[in-house]
PDB file of N, CA and C in Angstrom:
ATOM      1  N   MET A   1     -43.864  -2.739 -21.890  1.00  0.00           N
ATOM      2  CA  MET A   1     -44.221  -1.442 -22.067  1.00  0.00           C
ATOM      3  C   MET A   1     -44.308  -0.646 -20.817  1.00  0.00           C
ATOM      4  N   ARG A   2     -44.830  -1.321 -19.769  1.00  0.00           N
ATOM      5  CA  ARG A   2     -44.940  -0.649 -18.434  1.00  0.00           C
ATOM      6  C   ARG A   2     -43.573  -0.429 -17.763  1.00  0.00           C
ATOM      7  N   TYR A   3     -42.640  -1.265 -18.048  1.00  0.00           N
ATOM      8  CA  TYR A   3     -41.284  -1.062 -17.617  1.00  0.00           C
ATOM      9  C   TYR A   3     -40.651   0.262 -18.113  1.00  0.00           C
ATOM     10  N   PHE A   4     -40.835   0.427 -19.329  1.00  0.00           N
ATOM     11  CA  PHE A   4     -40.175   1.569 -20.056  1.00  0.00           C
ATOM     12  C   PHE A   4     -40.946   2.821 -19.656  1.00  0.00           C
ATOM     13  N   ARG A   5     -42.176   2.899 -19.311  1.00  0.00           N
ATOM     14  CA  ARG A   5     -42.969   4.038 -18.965  1.00  0.00           C
ATOM     15  C   ARG A   5     -42.774   4.409 -17.359  1.00  0.00           C
ATOM     16  N   SER A   6     -42.126   3.464 -16.770  1.00  0.00           N
ATOM     17  CA  SER A   6     -41.798   3.764 -15.199  1.00  0.00           C
ATOM     18  C   SER A   6     -40.466   4.172 -15.043  1.00  0.00           C
ATOM     19  N   GLY A   7     -40.053   4.098 -13.682  1.00  0.00           N
ATOM     20  CA  GLY A   7     -38.736   4.543 -13.289  1.00  0.00           C
ATOM     21  C   GLY A   7     -37.653   3.543 -13.540  1.00  0.00           C
ATOM     22  N   ARG A   8     -38.043   2.426 -14.205  1.00  0.00           N
ATOM     23  CA  ARG A   8     -37.083   1.392 -14.765  1.00  0.00           C
ATOM     24  C   ARG A   8     -36.321   0.837 -13.618  1.00  0.00           C
ATOM     25  N   THR A   9     -36.937   0.411 -12.630  1.00  0.00           N
ATOM     26  CA  THR A   9     -36.399  -0.268 -11.501  1.00  0.00           C
ATOM     27  C   THR A   9     -36.650  -1.778 -11.524  1.00  0.00           C
ATOM     28  N   LEU A  10     -35.880  -2.579 -10.923  1.00  0.00           N
ATOM     29  CA  LEU A  10     -36.154  -4.121 -10.932  1.00  0.00           C
ATOM     30  C   LEU A  10     -37.458  -4.363 -10.417  1.00  0.00           C
ATOM     31  N   ARG A  11     -37.958  -3.599  -9.449  1.00  0.00           N
ATOM     32  CA  ARG A  11     -39.389  -3.892  -8.847  1.00  0.00           C
ATOM     33  C   ARG A  11     -40.363  -3.641 -10.020  1.00  0.00           C
ATOM     34  N   ASP A  12     -40.254  -2.787 -10.967  1.00  0.00           N
ATOM     35  CA  ASP A  12     -41.142  -2.538 -12.093  1.00  0.00           C
ATOM     36  C   ASP A  12     -41.085  -3.704 -13.058  1.00  0.00           C
ATOM     37  N   PHE A  13     -39.874  -4.151 -13.091  1.00  0.00           N
ATOM     38  CA  PHE A  13     -39.566  -5.346 -14.164  1.00  0.00           C
ATOM     39  C   PHE A  13     -40.313  -6.656 -13.678  1.00  0.00           C
ATOM     40  N   TYR A  14     -40.370  -6.836 -12.416  1.00  0.00           N
ATOM     41  CA  TYR A  14     -40.922  -8.111 -11.896  1.00  0.00           C
ATOM     42  C   TYR A  14     -42.255  -8.143 -11.302  1.00  0.00           C
ATOM     43  N   ARG A  15     -42.844  -6.843 -11.604  1.00  0.00           N
ATOM     44  CA  ARG A  15     -44.396  -6.817 -11.062  1.00  0.00           C
ATOM     45  C   ARG A  15     -45.255  -7.587 -11.933  1.00  0.00           C
ATOM     46  N   PRO A  16     -46.273  -8.255 -11.214  1.00  0.00           N
ATOM     47  CA  PRO A  16     -47.200  -9.171 -12.093  1.00  0.00           C
ATOM     48  C   PRO A  16     -48.045  -8.334 -13.070  1.00  0.00           C
ATOM     49  N   LEU A  17     -48.390  -8.913 -14.060  1.00  0.00           N
ATOM     50  CA  LEU A  17     -49.232  -8.351 -15.025  1.00  0.00           C
ATOM     51  C   LEU A  17     -50.559  -9.198 -15.281  1.00  0.00           C
ATOM     52  N   LEU A  18     -51.625  -8.787 -14.909  1.00  0.00           N
ATOM     53  CA  LEU A  18     -52.912  -9.403 -14.959  1.00  0.00           C
ATOM     54  C   LEU A  18     -52.910 -10.660 -14.143  1.00  0.00           C
ATOM     55  N   GLY A  19     -52.166 -10.688 -12.970  1.00  0.00           N
ATOM     56  CA  GLY A  19     -52.148 -11.750 -12.100  1.00  0.00           C
ATOM     57  C   GLY A  19     -51.121 -12.777 -12.597  1.00  0.00           C
ATOM     58  N   ILE A  20     -50.302 -12.597 -13.633  1.00  0.00           N
ATOM     59  CA  ILE A  20     -49.294 -13.593 -13.979  1.00  0.00           C
ATOM     60  C   ILE A  20     -47.883 -12.984 -13.385  1.00  0.00           C
ATOM     61  N   PRO A  21     -47.420 -13.864 -12.330  1.00  0.00           N
ATOM     62  CA  PRO A  21     -46.060 -13.446 -11.842  1.00  0.00           C
ATOM     63  C   PRO A  21     -45.007 -13.496 -12.767  1.00  0.00           C
ATOM     64  N   VAL A  22     -44.017 -12.558 -12.606  1.00  0.00           N
ATOM     65  CA  VAL A  22     -42.874 -12.326 -13.553  1.00  0.00           C
ATOM     66  C   VAL A  22     -43.295 -12.416 -15.067  1.00  0.00           C
ATOM     67  N   ALA A  23     -44.004 -11.644 -15.414  1.00  0.00           N
ATOM     68  CA  ALA A  23     -44.819 -11.771 -16.767  1.00  0.00           C
ATOM     69  C   ALA A  23     -43.740 -11.697 -17.838  1.00  0.00           C
ATOM     70  N   GLY A  24     -42.577 -10.860 -17.658  1.00  0.00           N
ATOM     71  CA  GLY A  24     -41.579 -10.733 -18.635  1.00  0.00           C
ATOM     72  C   GLY A  24     -40.934 -12.113 -18.930  1.00  0.00           C
ATOM     73  N   ALA A  25     -40.850 -13.024 -17.939  1.00  0.00           N
ATOM     74  CA  ALA A  25     -40.312 -14.416 -18.119  1.00  0.00           C
ATOM     75  C   ALA A  25     -41.376 -15.344 -18.535  1.00  0.00           C
ATOM     76  N   THR A  26     -42.591 -15.264 -17.999  1.00  0.00           N
ATOM     77  CA  THR A  26     -43.588 -16.203 -18.200  1.00  0.00           C
ATOM     78  C   THR A  26     -44.203 -16.186 -19.538  1.00  0.00           C
ATOM     79  N   LEU A  27     -44.593 -15.034 -20.060  1.00  0.00           N
ATOM     80  CA  LEU A  27     -45.356 -14.870 -21.341  1.00  0.00           C
ATOM     81  C   LEU A  27     -44.541 -15.410 -22.500  1.00  0.00           C
ATOM     82  N   PRO A  28     -43.213 -15.073 -22.637  1.00  0.00           N
ATOM     83  CA  PRO A  28     -42.534 -15.769 -23.822  1.00  0.00           C
ATOM     84  C   PRO A  28     -42.403 -17.310 -23.759  1.00  0.00           C
ATOM     85  N   VAL A  29     -42.480 -17.830 -22.476  1.00  0.00           N
ATOM     86  CA  VAL A  29     -42.310 -19.212 -22.540  1.00  0.00           C
ATOM     87  C   VAL A  29     -43.795 -19.787 -22.788  1.00  0.00           C
ATOM     88  N   LEU A  30     -44.816 -19.291 -22.312  1.00  0.00           N
ATOM     89  CA  LEU A  30     -46.108 -19.601 -22.795  1.00  0.00           C
ATOM     90  C   LEU A  30     -46.326 -19.510 -24.360  1.00  0.00           C
ATOM     91  N   ALA A  31     -45.811 -18.485 -24.807  1.00  0.00           N
ATOM     92  CA  ALA A  31     -45.943 -18.353 -26.338  1.00  0.00           C
ATOM     93  C   ALA A  31     -45.243 -19.454 -27.082  1.00  0.00           C
ATOM     94  N   LEU A  32     -44.067 -19.824 -26.644  1.00  0.00           N
ATOM     95  CA  LEU A  32     -43.263 -20.795 -27.243  1.00  0.00           C
ATOM     96  C   LEU A  32     -44.080 -22.279 -27.004  1.00  0.00           C
ATOM     97  N   LEU A  33     -44.563 -22.398 -25.928  1.00  0.00           N
ATOM     98  CA  LEU A  33     -45.278 -23.735 -25.673  1.00  0.00           C
ATOM     99  C   LEU A  33     -46.589 -23.690 -26.434  1.00  0.00           C
ATOM    100  N   ALA A  34     -47.329 -22.588 -26.576  1.00  0.00           N
ATOM    101  CA  ALA A  34     -48.462 -22.567 -27.458  1.00  0.00           C
ATOM    102  C   ALA A  34     -48.153 -22.813 -28.871  1.00  0.00           C
ATOM    103  N   LEU A  35     -47.221 -22.196 -29.401  1.00  0.00           N
ATOM    104  CA  LEU A  35     -46.657 -22.426 -30.825  1.00  0.00           C
ATOM    105  C   LEU A  35     -46.281 -23.967 -30.931  1.00  0.00           C
ATOM    106  N   GLY A  36     -45.720 -24.579 -30.132  1.00  0.00           N
ATOM    107  CA  GLY A  36     -45.305 -25.956 -30.197  1.00  0.00           C
ATOM    108  C   GLY A  36     -46.564 -27.056 -30.335  1.00  0.00           C
ATOM    109  N   ILE A  37     -47.498 -26.466 -29.353  1.00  0.00           N
ATOM    110  CA  ILE A  37     -48.649 -27.291 -29.260  1.00  0.00           C
ATOM    111  C   ILE A  37     -49.514 -27.086 -30.581  1.00  0.00           C
ATOM    112  N   TYR A  38     -49.664 -25.817 -31.047  1.00  0.00           N
ATOM    113  CA  TYR A  38     -50.438 -25.633 -32.216  1.00  0.00           C
ATOM    114  C   TYR A  38     -49.691 -26.254 -33.418  1.00  0.00           C
ATOM    115  N   GLY A  39     -48.447 -26.188 -33.573  1.00  0.00           N
ATOM    116  CA  GLY A  39     -47.715 -26.830 -34.699  1.00  0.00           C
ATOM    117  C   GLY A  39     -47.395 -28.279 -34.568  1.00  0.00           C
ATOM    118  N   ARG A  40     -48.029 -28.841 -33.410  1.00  0.00           N
ATOM    119  CA  ARG A  40     -47.661 -30.241 -33.214  1.00  0.00           C
ATOM    120  C   ARG A  40     -46.191 -30.722 -33.289  1.00  0.00           C
ATOM    121  N   VAL A  41     -45.338 -29.791 -32.674  1.00  0.00           N
ATOM    122  CA  VAL A  41     -43.893 -30.055 -32.830  1.00  0.00           C
ATOM    123  C   VAL A  41     -43.431 -30.434 -31.312  1.00  0.00           C
ATOM    124  N   ILE A  42     -43.172 -31.673 -31.160  1.00  0.00           N
ATOM    125  CA  ILE A  42     -42.928 -32.153 -29.819  1.00  0.00           C
ATOM    126  C   ILE A  42     -41.642 -31.593 -29.278  1.00  0.00           C
ATOM    127  N   TRP A  43     -40.653 -31.498 -30.109  1.00  0.00           N
ATOM    128  CA  TRP A  43     -39.455 -30.998 -29.648  1.00  0.00           C
ATOM    129  C   TRP A  43     -39.530 -29.512 -29.101  1.00  0.00           C
ATOM    130  N   MET A  44     -40.375 -28.703 -29.862  1.00  0.00           N
ATOM    131  CA  MET A  44     -40.552 -27.323 -29.308  1.00  0.00           C
ATOM    132  C   MET A  44     -41.391 -27.273 -27.993  1.00  0.00           C
ATOM    133  N   VAL A  45     -42.230 -28.238 -27.656  1.00  0.00           N
ATOM    134  CA  VAL A  45     -42.940 -28.273 -26.509  1.00  0.00           C
ATOM    135  C   VAL A  45     -41.955 -28.795 -25.396  1.00  0.00           C
ATOM    136  N   LEU A  46     -41.097 -29.741 -25.647  1.00  0.00           N
ATOM    137  CA  LEU A  46     -40.166 -30.040 -24.591  1.00  0.00           C
ATOM    138  C   LEU A  46     -39.149 -28.906 -24.395  1.00  0.00           C
ATOM    139  N   ALA A  47     -38.716 -28.117 -25.483  1.00  0.00           N
ATOM    140  CA  ALA A  47     -37.857 -27.134 -25.323  1.00  0.00           C
ATOM    141  C   ALA A  47     -38.442 -26.005 -24.338  1.00  0.00           C
ATOM    142  N   ALA A  48     -39.836 -25.670 -24.682  1.00  0.00           N
ATOM    143  CA  ALA A  48     -40.535 -24.646 -23.871  1.00  0.00           C
ATOM    144  C   ALA A  48     -40.556 -25.163 -22.429  1.00  0.00           C
ATOM    145  N   LEU A  49     -40.791 -26.406 -22.070  1.00  0.00           N
ATOM    146  CA  LEU A  49     -40.727 -26.831 -20.759  1.00  0.00           C
ATOM    147  C   LEU A  49     -39.503 -26.722 -20.028  1.00  0.00           C
ATOM    148  N   VAL A  50     -38.486 -27.020 -20.762  1.00  0.00           N
ATOM    149  CA  VAL A  50     -37.009 -26.832 -20.251  1.00  0.00           C
ATOM    150  C   VAL A  50     -36.718 -25.370 -19.978  1.00  0.00           C
ATOM    151  N   LEU A  51     -37.097 -24.582 -20.913  1.00  0.00           N
ATOM    152  CA  LEU A  51     -36.876 -23.095 -20.919  1.00  0.00           C
ATOM    153  C   LEU A  51     -37.698 -22.496 -19.742  1.00  0.00           C
ATOM    154  N   GLY A  52     -38.873 -22.909 -19.594  1.00  0.00           N
ATOM    155  CA  GLY A  52     -39.872 -22.428 -18.609  1.00  0.00           C
ATOM    156  C   GLY A  52     -39.316 -22.836 -17.084  1.00  0.00           C
ATOM    157  N   VAL A  53     -38.848 -24.121 -16.984  1.00  0.00           N
ATOM    158  CA  VAL A  53     -38.260 -24.369 -15.591  1.00  0.00           C
ATOM    159  C   VAL A  53     -37.256 -23.441 -15.269  1.00  0.00           C
ATOM    160  N   GLY A  54     -36.194 -23.324 -16.198  1.00  0.00           N
ATOM    161  CA  GLY A  54     -35.059 -22.542 -15.879  1.00  0.00           C
ATOM    162  C   GLY A  54     -35.298 -21.015 -15.904  1.00  0.00           C
ATOM    163  N   HIS A  55     -35.822 -20.579 -16.937  1.00  0.00           N
ATOM    164  CA  HIS A  55     -36.174 -19.175 -17.058  1.00  0.00           C
ATOM    165  C   HIS A  55     -37.037 -18.439 -16.047  1.00  0.00           C
ATOM    166  N   ILE A  56     -38.173 -19.072 -15.823  1.00  0.00           N
ATOM    167  CA  ILE A  56     -39.131 -18.612 -14.755  1.00  0.00           C
ATOM    168  C   ILE A  56     -38.549 -18.710 -13.400  1.00  0.00           C
ATOM    169  N   GLY A  57     -37.854 -20.012 -13.104  1.00  0.00           N
ATOM    170  CA  GLY A  57     -37.301 -20.224 -11.836  1.00  0.00           C
ATOM    171  C   GLY A  57     -36.198 -19.244 -11.455  1.00  0.00           C
ATOM    172  N   ILE A  58     -35.382 -18.875 -12.514  1.00  0.00           N
ATOM    173  CA  ILE A  58     -34.243 -17.871 -12.169  1.00  0.00           C
ATOM    174  C   ILE A  58     -34.893 -16.497 -11.918  1.00  0.00           C
ATOM    175  N   HIS A  59     -35.855 -16.235 -12.702  1.00  0.00           N
ATOM    176  CA  HIS A  59     -36.636 -14.849 -12.474  1.00  0.00           C
ATOM    177  C   HIS A  59     -37.220 -14.891 -11.019  1.00  0.00           C
ATOM    178  N   LEU A  60     -37.883 -15.745 -10.738  1.00  0.00           N
ATOM    179  CA  LEU A  60     -38.673 -15.866  -9.418  1.00  0.00           C
ATOM    180  C   LEU A  60     -37.547 -15.787  -8.336  1.00  0.00           C
ATOM    181  N   GLN A  61     -36.373 -16.433  -8.353  1.00  0.00           N
ATOM    182  CA  GLN A  61     -35.388 -16.407  -7.428  1.00  0.00           C
ATOM    183  C   GLN A  61     -34.907 -14.969  -7.328  1.00  0.00           C
ATOM    184  N   HIS A  62     -34.597 -14.360  -8.551  1.00  0.00           N
ATOM    185  CA  HIS A  62     -33.990 -13.050  -8.507  1.00  0.00           C
ATOM    186  C   HIS A  62     -35.021 -11.976  -7.903  1.00  0.00           C
ATOM    187  N   ARG A  63     -36.235 -12.209  -8.156  1.00  0.00           N
ATOM    188  CA  ARG A  63     -37.228 -11.308  -7.596  1.00  0.00           C
ATOM    189  C   ARG A  63     -37.274 -11.474  -6.031  1.00  0.00           C
ATOM    190  N   ARG A  64     -37.126 -12.714  -5.496  1.00  0.00           N
ATOM    191  CA  ARG A  64     -37.106 -12.881  -4.081  1.00  0.00           C
ATOM    192  C   ARG A  64     -35.865 -12.293  -3.486  1.00  0.00           C
ATOM    193  N   GLU A  65     -34.694 -12.437  -4.124  1.00  0.00           N
ATOM    194  CA  GLU A  65     -33.510 -11.711  -3.631  1.00  0.00           C
ATOM    195  C   GLU A  65     -33.622 -10.315  -3.510  1.00  0.00           C
ATOM    196  N   GLY A  66     -34.328  -9.654  -4.557  1.00  0.00           N
ATOM    197  CA  GLY A  66     -34.543  -8.281  -4.457  1.00  0.00           C
ATOM    198  C   GLY A  66     -35.359  -7.731  -3.449  1.00  0.00           C
ATOM    199  N   GLU A  67     -36.404  -8.633  -3.023  1.00  0.00           N
ATOM    200  CA  GLU A  67     -37.290  -8.168  -2.025  1.00  0.00           C
ATOM    201  C   GLU A  67     -36.685  -8.203  -0.538  1.00  0.00           C
ATOM    202  N   GLY A  68     -35.696  -9.091  -0.360  1.00  0.00           N
ATOM    203  CA  GLY A  68     -35.078  -9.356   0.883  1.00  0.00           C
ATOM    204  C   GLY A  68     -34.050  -8.350   1.200  1.00  0.00           C
TER     205      GLY A  68
END
């Protein structure tokens, strides 16, 4: 919501939310992980971990490139 209410720059997109870095990438991964744990579905937990490493890592790298 904050991204659409702002100037829609990459800086707005990658700002932390409540102390969570790259919240747009982190929160969906955490939701999938929580759902896998809650449902006791091991393949979903594993998929969330793989997704988290790639998705969050790519967004952190992209944010660093934008700052430099």
